[in-house]
Amino acid sequence: MEFSSRMRASMLIVIMFCVMCVSTVLTREEKIAAAEAEQEANLYVSCESSY
């Protein structure tokens, strides 16, 4: 019985760690996408103003 509860607690910790890692990666990807979109918008504006 004690082994089962320890195993369950260990699995919960692993799952929480995985969720934290995935959320960190998704946040980073979202920031990169926003920065790329902003950079593309700035390039478009600069190209438009040069004509």
C-alpha atoms as a PDB file:
ATOM      1  CA  MET A   1       0.000   0.000   0.000  1.00  0.00           C
ATOM      2  CA  GLU A   2       2.797   2.412   0.859  1.00  0.00           C
ATOM      3  CA  PHE A   3       4.591   1.621  -2.414  1.00  0.00           C
ATOM      4  CA  SER A   4       1.440   2.391  -4.371  1.00  0.00           C
ATOM      5  CA  SER A   5       0.978   5.799  -2.736  1.00  0.00           C
ATOM      6  CA  ARG A   6       4.662   6.647  -3.260  1.00  0.00           C
ATOM      7  CA  MET A   7       4.409   5.609  -6.897  1.00  0.00           C
ATOM      8  CA  ARG A   8       1.306   7.735  -7.347  1.00  0.00           C
ATOM      9  CA  ALA A   9       3.044  10.752  -5.761  1.00  0.00           C
ATOM     10  CA  SER A  10       6.109  10.248  -7.966  1.00  0.00           C
ATOM     11  CA  MET A  11       3.967  10.063 -11.088  1.00  0.00           C
ATOM     12  CA  LEU A  12       2.151  13.221 -10.059  1.00  0.00           C
ATOM     13  CA  ILE A  13       5.464  15.047  -9.649  1.00  0.00           C
ATOM     14  CA  VAL A  14       6.636  13.843 -13.069  1.00  0.00           C
ATOM     15  CA  ILE A  15       3.375  14.933 -14.702  1.00  0.00           C
ATOM     16  CA  MET A  16       3.582  18.366 -13.060  1.00  0.00           C
ATOM     17  CA  PHE A  17       7.177  18.734 -14.260  1.00  0.00           C
ATOM     18  CA  CYS A  18       6.167  17.817 -17.814  1.00  0.00           C
ATOM     19  CA  VAL A  19       3.310  20.316 -17.774  1.00  0.00           C
ATOM     20  CA  MET A  20       5.664  23.052 -16.566  1.00  0.00           C
ATOM     21  CA  CYS A  21       8.157  22.224 -19.330  1.00  0.00           C
ATOM     22  CA  VAL A  22       5.493  22.227 -22.029  1.00  0.00           C
ATOM     23  CA  SER A  23       4.036  25.534 -20.837  1.00  0.00           C
ATOM     24  CA  THR A  24       7.513  27.095 -20.793  1.00  0.00           C
ATOM     25  CA  VAL A  25       8.201  25.931 -24.341  1.00  0.00           C
ATOM     26  CA  LEU A  26       4.819  27.156 -25.579  1.00  0.00           C
ATOM     27  CA  THR A  27       5.346  30.559 -23.952  1.00  0.00           C
ATOM     28  CA  ARG A  28       8.772  30.844 -25.563  1.00  0.00           C
ATOM     29  CA  GLU A  29       7.391  29.891 -28.982  1.00  0.00           C
ATOM     30  CA  GLU A  30       4.593  32.441 -28.589  1.00  0.00           C
ATOM     31  CA  LYS A  31       7.101  35.198 -27.776  1.00  0.00           C
ATOM     32  CA  ILE A  32       9.253  34.250 -30.762  1.00  0.00           C
ATOM     33  CA  ALA A  33       6.232  34.279 -33.080  1.00  0.00           C
ATOM     34  CA  ALA A  34       5.145  37.684 -31.771  1.00  0.00           C
ATOM     35  CA  ALA A  35       8.652  39.090 -32.244  1.00  0.00           C
ATOM     36  CA  GLU A  36       8.823  37.719 -35.791  1.00  0.00           C
ATOM     37  CA  ALA A  37       5.423  39.186 -36.631  1.00  0.00           C
ATOM     38  CA  GLU A  38       6.474  42.559 -35.235  1.00  0.00           C
ATOM     39  CA  GLN A  39       9.738  42.448 -37.185  1.00  0.00           C
ATOM     40  CA  GLU A  40       7.906  41.580 -40.416  1.00  0.00           C
ATOM     41  CA  ALA A  41       5.490  44.456 -39.818  1.00  0.00           C
ATOM     42  CA  ASN A  42       8.397  46.842 -39.293  1.00  0.00           C
ATOM     43  CA  LEU A  43      10.077  45.623 -42.467  1.00  0.00           C
ATOM     44  CA  TYR A  44       6.888  46.092 -44.418  1.00  0.00           C
ATOM     45  CA  VAL A  45       6.453  49.624 -43.090  1.00  0.00           C
ATOM     46  CA  SER A  46      10.063  50.508 -43.835  1.00  0.00           C
ATOM     47  CA  CYS A  47       9.799  49.119 -47.367  1.00  0.00           C
ATOM     48  CA  GLU A  48       6.548  50.940 -47.909  1.00  0.00           C
ATOM     49  CA  SER A  49       7.997  54.254 -46.716  1.00  0.00           C
ATOM     50  CA  SER A  50      11.112  53.904 -48.932  1.00  0.00           C
ATOM     51  CA  TYR A  51       9.048  54.077 -52.134  1.00  0.00           C
END
